Amino acid sequence: MIMKKILLSITLACTFIVAGAQTELKQKIELPEVSAVAVSTIRSKSAGVTANVTSKGNGTLLESGILCSANSTPTSENSTKYDAEKSMSISLRVKNLTPMSTYYVRAYATNNKGTTYGEEVAFTTRNGVENGYEYVDLGLSVKWATMN
């Protein structure tokens, strides 16, 4: 009889400890963190953009990617969203841009707690179309065709 009471007490204590630990884990979920974006290979109608999700915030990464807008402070509501399919390492090409225009990009990540946005970076697309071909200006009056 005493042994049953001891076992019951131990079982109840373990149950409360496990339940408390699960509650504590749920409370420690924070917003994810993202790095600033890096913009490269800027062309007249596209640009390469990279960033990293540096922390999931102890939650499940539900979404990540790049936001691009002609207006500053791009958000999910006012910009084109380029989805990185929940990747921690984001490397995308933003497309269908207008030549000689300024765009603003920033990374985003969403977990169980919410969405975080990285720092905004601005860039200007090139005017690289001559004779129907897109060129990259290498400097010193030298241009290289982006496609053959």
N, C-alpha and C. Protein backbone atom coordinates (compact mmCIF):
# COMPACT_ATOMS: atom_id res chain seq x y z
N MET A 1 0.81 -1.18 0.00
CA MET A 1 0.00 0.00 0.00
C MET A 1 0.87 1.27 0.00
N ILE A 2 1.87 1.28 0.87
CA ILE A 2 2.78 2.43 0.94
C ILE A 2 3.56 2.55 -0.37
N MET A 3 3.93 1.42 -0.95
CA MET A 3 4.67 1.41 -2.21
C MET A 3 3.83 2.01 -3.34
N LYS A 4 2.52 1.71 -3.34
CA LYS A 4 1.62 2.26 -4.37
C LYS A 4 1.53 3.78 -4.24
N LYS A 5 1.45 4.26 -3.00
CA LYS A 5 1.38 5.71 -2.78
C LYS A 5 2.66 6.40 -3.24
N ILE A 6 3.80 5.78 -2.99
CA ILE A 6 5.09 6.35 -3.41
C ILE A 6 5.16 6.39 -4.92
N LEU A 7 4.78 5.29 -5.58
CA LEU A 7 4.79 5.25 -7.05
C LEU A 7 3.84 6.28 -7.64
N LEU A 8 2.65 6.42 -7.05
CA LEU A 8 1.68 7.40 -7.52
C LEU A 8 2.23 8.82 -7.36
N SER A 9 2.87 9.09 -6.23
CA SER A 9 3.47 10.40 -5.98
C SER A 9 4.57 10.70 -6.99
N ILE A 10 5.41 9.72 -7.26
CA ILE A 10 6.49 9.91 -8.24
C ILE A 10 5.92 10.15 -9.63
N THR A 11 4.90 9.39 -10.01
CA THR A 11 4.27 9.55 -11.33
C THR A 11 3.67 10.94 -11.48
N LEU A 12 2.95 11.40 -10.46
CA LEU A 12 2.35 12.74 -10.51
C LEU A 12 3.42 13.82 -10.58
N ALA A 13 4.48 13.67 -9.80
CA ALA A 13 5.57 14.66 -9.82
C ALA A 13 6.21 14.73 -11.20
N CYS A 14 6.45 13.57 -11.82
CA CYS A 14 7.06 13.55 -13.16
C CYS A 14 6.13 14.20 -14.18
N THR A 15 4.84 13.95 -14.06
CA THR A 15 3.86 14.55 -14.98
C THR A 15 3.90 16.07 -14.89
N PHE A 16 3.92 16.61 -13.67
CA PHE A 16 3.97 18.05 -13.49
C PHE A 16 5.28 18.64 -14.00
N ILE A 17 6.37 17.95 -13.81
CA ILE A 17 7.68 18.43 -14.29
C ILE A 17 7.69 18.49 -15.81
N VAL A 18 7.20 17.45 -16.48
CA VAL A 18 7.16 17.41 -17.94
C VAL A 18 6.23 18.50 -18.47
N ALA A 19 5.05 18.64 -17.87
CA ALA A 19 4.11 19.67 -18.31
C ALA A 19 4.70 21.06 -18.12
N GLY A 20 5.38 21.27 -17.00
CA GLY A 20 6.01 22.56 -16.75
C GLY A 20 7.12 22.86 -17.75
N ALA A 21 7.90 21.85 -18.10
CA ALA A 21 8.98 22.03 -19.08
C ALA A 21 8.43 22.37 -20.44
N GLN A 22 7.33 21.72 -20.84
CA GLN A 22 6.72 22.02 -22.14
C GLN A 22 6.18 23.43 -22.16
N THR A 23 5.55 23.88 -21.08
CA THR A 23 5.05 25.25 -21.00
C THR A 23 6.19 26.24 -21.08
N GLU A 24 7.30 25.94 -20.38
CA GLU A 24 8.46 26.82 -20.39
C GLU A 24 9.04 26.94 -21.80
N LEU A 25 9.11 25.83 -22.55
CA LEU A 25 9.61 25.86 -23.92
C LEU A 25 8.72 26.72 -24.80
N LYS A 26 7.42 26.60 -24.65
CA LYS A 26 6.49 27.40 -25.46
C LYS A 26 6.66 28.88 -25.16
N GLN A 27 6.93 29.22 -23.93
CA GLN A 27 7.08 30.62 -23.55
C GLN A 27 8.38 31.22 -24.07
N LYS A 28 9.37 30.40 -24.35
CA LYS A 28 10.66 30.91 -24.80
C LYS A 28 10.74 31.11 -26.31
N ILE A 29 9.68 30.85 -27.05
CA ILE A 29 9.70 31.09 -28.49
C ILE A 29 9.75 32.60 -28.72
N GLU A 30 10.72 33.01 -29.50
CA GLU A 30 10.90 34.42 -29.82
C GLU A 30 10.78 34.61 -31.32
N LEU A 31 10.76 35.85 -31.76
CA LEU A 31 10.72 36.14 -33.20
C LEU A 31 12.02 35.67 -33.85
N PRO A 32 11.95 35.24 -35.11
CA PRO A 32 13.18 34.86 -35.81
C PRO A 32 14.05 36.09 -36.06
N GLU A 33 15.30 35.86 -36.45
CA GLU A 33 16.22 36.95 -36.78
C GLU A 33 16.75 36.75 -38.18
N VAL A 34 16.90 37.85 -38.92
CA VAL A 34 17.43 37.79 -40.28
C VAL A 34 18.56 38.79 -40.44
N SER A 35 19.49 38.47 -41.34
CA SER A 35 20.60 39.37 -41.63
C SER A 35 20.16 40.40 -42.66
N ALA A 36 20.98 41.42 -42.81
CA ALA A 36 20.73 42.39 -43.87
C ALA A 36 20.98 41.71 -45.21
N VAL A 37 20.30 42.17 -46.24
CA VAL A 37 20.47 41.58 -47.56
C VAL A 37 21.72 42.12 -48.24
N ALA A 38 22.22 41.34 -49.16
CA ALA A 38 23.31 41.78 -50.04
C ALA A 38 22.78 41.70 -51.46
N VAL A 39 22.97 42.76 -52.21
CA VAL A 39 22.48 42.82 -53.60
C VAL A 39 23.68 42.71 -54.53
N SER A 40 23.56 41.83 -55.54
CA SER A 40 24.65 41.63 -56.49
C SER A 40 24.08 41.42 -57.88
N THR A 41 24.94 41.42 -58.85
CA THR A 41 24.56 41.19 -60.25
C THR A 41 23.32 41.99 -60.61
N ILE A 42 23.42 43.30 -60.48
CA ILE A 42 22.30 44.18 -60.82
C ILE A 42 22.27 44.36 -62.33
N ARG A 43 21.13 44.07 -62.90
CA ARG A 43 20.92 44.22 -64.34
C ARG A 43 19.79 45.21 -64.58
N SER A 44 19.39 45.38 -65.82
CA SER A 44 18.33 46.34 -66.11
C SER A 44 16.97 45.88 -65.61
N LYS A 45 16.72 44.58 -65.55
CA LYS A 45 15.40 44.08 -65.15
C LYS A 45 15.44 43.06 -64.01
N SER A 46 16.61 42.87 -63.40
CA SER A 46 16.72 41.89 -62.32
C SER A 46 17.94 42.18 -61.46
N ALA A 47 17.97 41.52 -60.29
CA ALA A 47 19.13 41.62 -59.39
C ALA A 47 19.17 40.39 -58.51
N GLY A 48 20.37 39.97 -58.14
CA GLY A 48 20.54 38.86 -57.21
C GLY A 48 20.51 39.39 -55.79
N VAL A 49 19.79 38.70 -54.90
CA VAL A 49 19.66 39.14 -53.52
C VAL A 49 19.90 37.93 -52.60
N THR A 50 20.75 38.12 -51.59
CA THR A 50 21.01 37.05 -50.63
C THR A 50 20.84 37.59 -49.20
N ALA A 51 20.51 36.68 -48.29
CA ALA A 51 20.38 37.00 -46.86
C ALA A 51 20.37 35.67 -46.11
N ASN A 52 20.39 35.75 -44.80
CA ASN A 52 20.34 34.54 -43.98
C ASN A 52 19.35 34.72 -42.83
N VAL A 53 18.65 33.65 -42.51
CA VAL A 53 17.88 33.60 -41.28
C VAL A 53 18.88 33.16 -40.22
N THR A 54 19.22 34.05 -39.32
CA THR A 54 20.27 33.76 -38.35
C THR A 54 19.75 33.05 -37.10
N SER A 55 18.42 33.09 -36.88
CA SER A 55 17.82 32.39 -35.76
C SER A 55 16.35 32.12 -36.04
N LYS A 56 15.89 30.92 -35.70
CA LYS A 56 14.47 30.58 -35.82
C LYS A 56 13.69 31.04 -34.59
N GLY A 57 14.37 31.54 -33.59
CA GLY A 57 13.70 31.99 -32.36
C GLY A 57 13.12 30.85 -31.54
N ASN A 58 13.70 29.68 -31.62
CA ASN A 58 13.22 28.46 -30.94
C ASN A 58 11.86 28.01 -31.43
N GLY A 59 11.40 28.56 -32.54
CA GLY A 59 10.12 28.14 -33.11
C GLY A 59 10.34 27.42 -34.43
N THR A 60 9.26 27.11 -35.09
CA THR A 60 9.31 26.48 -36.40
C THR A 60 9.33 27.56 -37.47
N LEU A 61 10.29 27.51 -38.37
CA LEU A 61 10.36 28.48 -39.46
C LEU A 61 9.23 28.16 -40.45
N LEU A 62 8.26 29.06 -40.57
CA LEU A 62 7.10 28.84 -41.43
C LEU A 62 7.29 29.43 -42.82
N GLU A 63 8.08 30.50 -42.91
CA GLU A 63 8.26 31.18 -44.18
C GLU A 63 9.50 32.06 -44.12
N SER A 64 10.21 32.20 -45.24
CA SER A 64 11.33 33.13 -45.34
C SER A 64 11.46 33.58 -46.78
N GLY A 65 12.11 34.73 -46.98
CA GLY A 65 12.28 35.21 -48.34
C GLY A 65 12.72 36.66 -48.39
N ILE A 66 12.46 37.28 -49.55
CA ILE A 66 12.85 38.65 -49.82
C ILE A 66 11.61 39.44 -50.23
N LEU A 67 11.52 40.68 -49.75
CA LEU A 67 10.47 41.60 -50.17
C LEU A 67 11.12 42.68 -51.02
N CYS A 68 10.48 43.03 -52.14
CA CYS A 68 11.03 44.03 -53.05
C CYS A 68 9.93 45.02 -53.44
N SER A 69 10.27 46.32 -53.36
CA SER A 69 9.28 47.35 -53.67
C SER A 69 9.97 48.58 -54.25
N ALA A 70 9.21 49.35 -55.02
CA ALA A 70 9.71 50.64 -55.52
C ALA A 70 9.58 51.71 -54.43
N ASN A 71 8.89 51.38 -53.35
CA ASN A 71 8.74 52.29 -52.21
C ASN A 71 9.59 51.79 -51.06
N SER A 72 10.08 52.72 -50.24
CA SER A 72 10.90 52.30 -49.11
C SER A 72 10.05 51.56 -48.08
N THR A 73 10.72 50.84 -47.21
CA THR A 73 10.12 50.02 -46.17
C THR A 73 9.16 48.97 -46.73
N PRO A 74 9.67 48.04 -47.54
CA PRO A 74 8.80 46.99 -48.08
C PRO A 74 8.26 46.08 -46.98
N THR A 75 6.97 45.76 -47.07
CA THR A 75 6.32 44.81 -46.16
C THR A 75 5.57 43.79 -47.01
N SER A 76 5.02 42.80 -46.37
CA SER A 76 4.26 41.77 -47.08
C SER A 76 3.07 42.37 -47.82
N GLU A 77 2.54 43.47 -47.31
CA GLU A 77 1.34 44.08 -47.89
C GLU A 77 1.62 45.01 -49.07
N ASN A 78 2.83 45.60 -49.15
CA ASN A 78 3.07 46.63 -50.18
C ASN A 78 4.19 46.29 -51.15
N SER A 79 4.57 45.03 -51.26
CA SER A 79 5.70 44.70 -52.12
C SER A 79 5.53 43.33 -52.75
N THR A 80 6.46 43.03 -53.67
CA THR A 80 6.49 41.70 -54.28
C THR A 80 7.26 40.77 -53.34
N LYS A 81 6.67 39.63 -53.06
CA LYS A 81 7.26 38.67 -52.13
C LYS A 81 7.93 37.56 -52.93
N TYR A 82 9.20 37.31 -52.64
CA TYR A 82 9.95 36.21 -53.24
C TYR A 82 10.19 35.17 -52.15
N ASP A 83 9.48 34.06 -52.22
CA ASP A 83 9.50 33.04 -51.19
C ASP A 83 10.74 32.16 -51.33
N ALA A 84 11.44 31.95 -50.22
CA ALA A 84 12.64 31.10 -50.20
C ALA A 84 12.32 29.70 -49.67
N GLU A 85 11.06 29.37 -49.54
CA GLU A 85 10.61 28.03 -49.13
C GLU A 85 11.20 27.60 -47.78
N LYS A 86 11.08 28.45 -46.79
CA LYS A 86 11.50 28.15 -45.41
C LYS A 86 13.00 27.92 -45.26
N SER A 87 13.79 28.43 -46.19
CA SER A 87 15.23 28.21 -46.15
C SER A 87 15.91 29.16 -45.18
N MET A 88 16.94 28.68 -44.49
CA MET A 88 17.75 29.52 -43.61
C MET A 88 18.72 30.37 -44.43
N SER A 89 19.09 29.88 -45.61
CA SER A 89 19.98 30.60 -46.51
C SER A 89 19.17 31.05 -47.72
N ILE A 90 19.00 32.35 -47.85
CA ILE A 90 18.15 32.91 -48.91
C ILE A 90 19.03 33.41 -50.04
N SER A 91 18.78 32.94 -51.24
CA SER A 91 19.50 33.38 -52.43
C SER A 91 18.51 33.37 -53.59
N LEU A 92 18.06 34.56 -53.97
CA LEU A 92 17.00 34.69 -54.98
C LEU A 92 17.36 35.74 -56.02
N ARG A 93 16.66 35.69 -57.11
CA ARG A 93 16.79 36.70 -58.16
C ARG A 93 15.46 37.45 -58.24
N VAL A 94 15.46 38.75 -57.94
CA VAL A 94 14.25 39.55 -58.10
C VAL A 94 14.16 39.95 -59.56
N LYS A 95 12.97 39.76 -60.14
CA LYS A 95 12.82 39.92 -61.60
C LYS A 95 11.69 40.88 -61.95
N ASN A 96 11.56 41.11 -63.25
CA ASN A 96 10.51 41.98 -63.81
C ASN A 96 10.61 43.41 -63.29
N LEU A 97 11.85 43.88 -63.13
CA LEU A 97 12.09 45.24 -62.67
C LEU A 97 12.14 46.19 -63.86
N THR A 98 12.01 47.47 -63.60
CA THR A 98 12.07 48.49 -64.62
C THR A 98 13.49 49.06 -64.69
N PRO A 99 14.07 49.19 -65.90
CA PRO A 99 15.42 49.74 -66.01
C PRO A 99 15.52 51.15 -65.42
N MET A 100 16.68 51.45 -64.88
CA MET A 100 17.00 52.78 -64.32
C MET A 100 16.01 53.19 -63.23
N SER A 101 15.62 52.25 -62.38
CA SER A 101 14.67 52.52 -61.30
C SER A 101 15.29 52.08 -59.97
N THR A 102 14.91 52.77 -58.90
CA THR A 102 15.39 52.43 -57.57
C THR A 102 14.40 51.47 -56.91
N TYR A 103 14.96 50.43 -56.29
CA TYR A 103 14.15 49.44 -55.57
C TYR A 103 14.69 49.26 -54.17
N TYR A 104 13.82 48.83 -53.28
CA TYR A 104 14.16 48.59 -51.89
C TYR A 104 13.87 47.12 -51.59
N VAL A 105 14.83 46.45 -50.97
CA VAL A 105 14.67 45.03 -50.64
C VAL A 105 15.03 44.81 -49.18
N ARG A 106 14.41 43.80 -48.60
CA ARG A 106 14.81 43.34 -47.27
C ARG A 106 14.32 41.91 -47.07
N ALA A 107 15.02 41.20 -46.21
CA ALA A 107 14.67 39.81 -45.92
C ALA A 107 13.56 39.78 -44.88
N TYR A 108 12.84 38.66 -44.85
CA TYR A 108 11.84 38.45 -43.81
C TYR A 108 11.85 36.98 -43.41
N ALA A 109 11.39 36.71 -42.20
CA ALA A 109 11.25 35.34 -41.71
C ALA A 109 10.06 35.30 -40.76
N THR A 110 9.29 34.22 -40.86
CA THR A 110 8.10 34.06 -40.02
C THR A 110 8.18 32.73 -39.27
N ASN A 111 7.91 32.77 -37.96
CA ASN A 111 7.79 31.54 -37.18
C ASN A 111 6.46 31.55 -36.44
N ASN A 112 6.29 30.69 -35.45
CA ASN A 112 5.04 30.57 -34.70
C ASN A 112 4.65 31.86 -33.99
N LYS A 113 5.63 32.69 -33.66
CA LYS A 113 5.35 33.91 -32.91
C LYS A 113 5.04 35.11 -33.81
N GLY A 114 5.60 35.16 -35.02
CA GLY A 114 5.35 36.30 -35.89
C GLY A 114 6.42 36.46 -36.97
N THR A 115 6.44 37.64 -37.58
CA THR A 115 7.34 37.94 -38.70
C THR A 115 8.36 39.01 -38.29
N THR A 116 9.60 38.80 -38.71
CA THR A 116 10.67 39.77 -38.51
C THR A 116 11.18 40.21 -39.87
N TYR A 117 11.51 41.49 -39.98
CA TYR A 117 12.08 42.04 -41.21
C TYR A 117 13.52 42.47 -40.97
N GLY A 118 14.39 42.24 -41.95
CA GLY A 118 15.77 42.68 -41.87
C GLY A 118 15.91 44.13 -42.29
N GLU A 119 17.13 44.60 -42.29
CA GLU A 119 17.39 45.98 -42.70
C GLU A 119 17.14 46.14 -44.19
N GLU A 120 16.67 47.29 -44.56
CA GLU A 120 16.37 47.61 -45.95
C GLU A 120 17.63 48.04 -46.69
N VAL A 121 17.74 47.60 -47.95
CA VAL A 121 18.84 48.00 -48.82
C VAL A 121 18.24 48.50 -50.13
N ALA A 122 18.76 49.63 -50.62
CA ALA A 122 18.27 50.20 -51.89
C ALA A 122 19.30 49.94 -52.99
N PHE A 123 18.81 49.76 -54.21
CA PHE A 123 19.68 49.64 -55.38
C PHE A 123 18.95 50.20 -56.59
N THR A 124 19.72 50.55 -57.61
CA THR A 124 19.14 51.08 -58.85
C THR A 124 19.50 50.15 -59.99
N THR A 125 18.48 49.78 -60.76
CA THR A 125 18.71 48.90 -61.91
C THR A 125 19.46 49.66 -62.99
N ARG A 126 20.11 48.92 -63.84
CA ARG A 126 20.93 49.51 -64.90
C ARG A 126 20.10 49.75 -66.16
N ASN A 127 20.65 50.58 -67.03
CA ASN A 127 20.09 50.75 -68.36
C ASN A 127 21.04 50.04 -69.30
N GLY A 128 20.89 48.74 -69.43
CA GLY A 128 21.85 47.94 -70.16
C GLY A 128 21.35 47.38 -71.47
N VAL A 129 20.34 47.99 -72.08
CA VAL A 129 19.81 47.44 -73.32
C VAL A 129 20.31 48.26 -74.50
N GLU A 130 21.03 47.58 -75.40
CA GLU A 130 21.50 48.20 -76.63
C GLU A 130 21.29 47.21 -77.75
N ASN A 131 20.72 47.65 -78.83
CA ASN A 131 20.49 46.79 -79.99
C ASN A 131 19.71 45.52 -79.62
N GLY A 132 18.83 45.62 -78.62
CA GLY A 132 18.02 44.48 -78.23
C GLY A 132 18.70 43.50 -77.30
N TYR A 133 19.96 43.77 -76.88
CA TYR A 133 20.69 42.88 -75.97
C TYR A 133 20.98 43.59 -74.66
N GLU A 134 21.00 42.83 -73.59
CA GLU A 134 21.33 43.39 -72.29
C GLU A 134 22.83 43.24 -72.06
N TYR A 135 23.47 44.34 -71.64
CA TYR A 135 24.91 44.35 -71.43
C TYR A 135 25.23 44.75 -69.99
N VAL A 136 26.38 44.30 -69.53
CA VAL A 136 26.93 44.73 -68.26
C VAL A 136 28.12 45.62 -68.59
N ASP A 137 28.15 46.81 -68.01
CA ASP A 137 29.24 47.75 -68.25
C ASP A 137 30.42 47.36 -67.38
N LEU A 138 31.52 46.96 -68.00
CA LEU A 138 32.73 46.55 -67.27
C LEU A 138 33.66 47.73 -66.99
N GLY A 139 33.29 48.90 -67.43
CA GLY A 139 34.12 50.08 -67.24
C GLY A 139 35.06 50.27 -68.42
N LEU A 140 35.68 51.44 -68.52
CA LEU A 140 36.61 51.77 -69.60
C LEU A 140 35.98 51.53 -70.97
N SER A 141 34.69 51.84 -71.07
CA SER A 141 33.95 51.71 -72.34
C SER A 141 33.87 50.27 -72.84
N VAL A 142 34.01 49.30 -71.95
CA VAL A 142 33.91 47.88 -72.32
C VAL A 142 32.60 47.34 -71.78
N LYS A 143 31.83 46.68 -72.67
CA LYS A 143 30.57 46.08 -72.26
C LYS A 143 30.57 44.61 -72.63
N TRP A 144 29.90 43.82 -71.80
CA TRP A 144 29.84 42.39 -71.99
C TRP A 144 28.37 41.96 -72.07
N ALA A 145 28.02 41.21 -73.09
CA ALA A 145 26.65 40.73 -73.23
C ALA A 145 26.33 39.73 -72.11
N THR A 146 25.14 39.86 -71.51
CA THR A 146 24.77 38.95 -70.43
C THR A 146 24.29 37.61 -70.96
N MET A 147 23.87 37.57 -72.23
CA MET A 147 23.45 36.32 -72.87
C MET A 147 23.96 36.29 -74.30
N ASN A 148 24.34 35.12 -74.77
CA ASN A 148 24.78 34.99 -76.16
C ASN A 148 23.67 34.40 -77.01
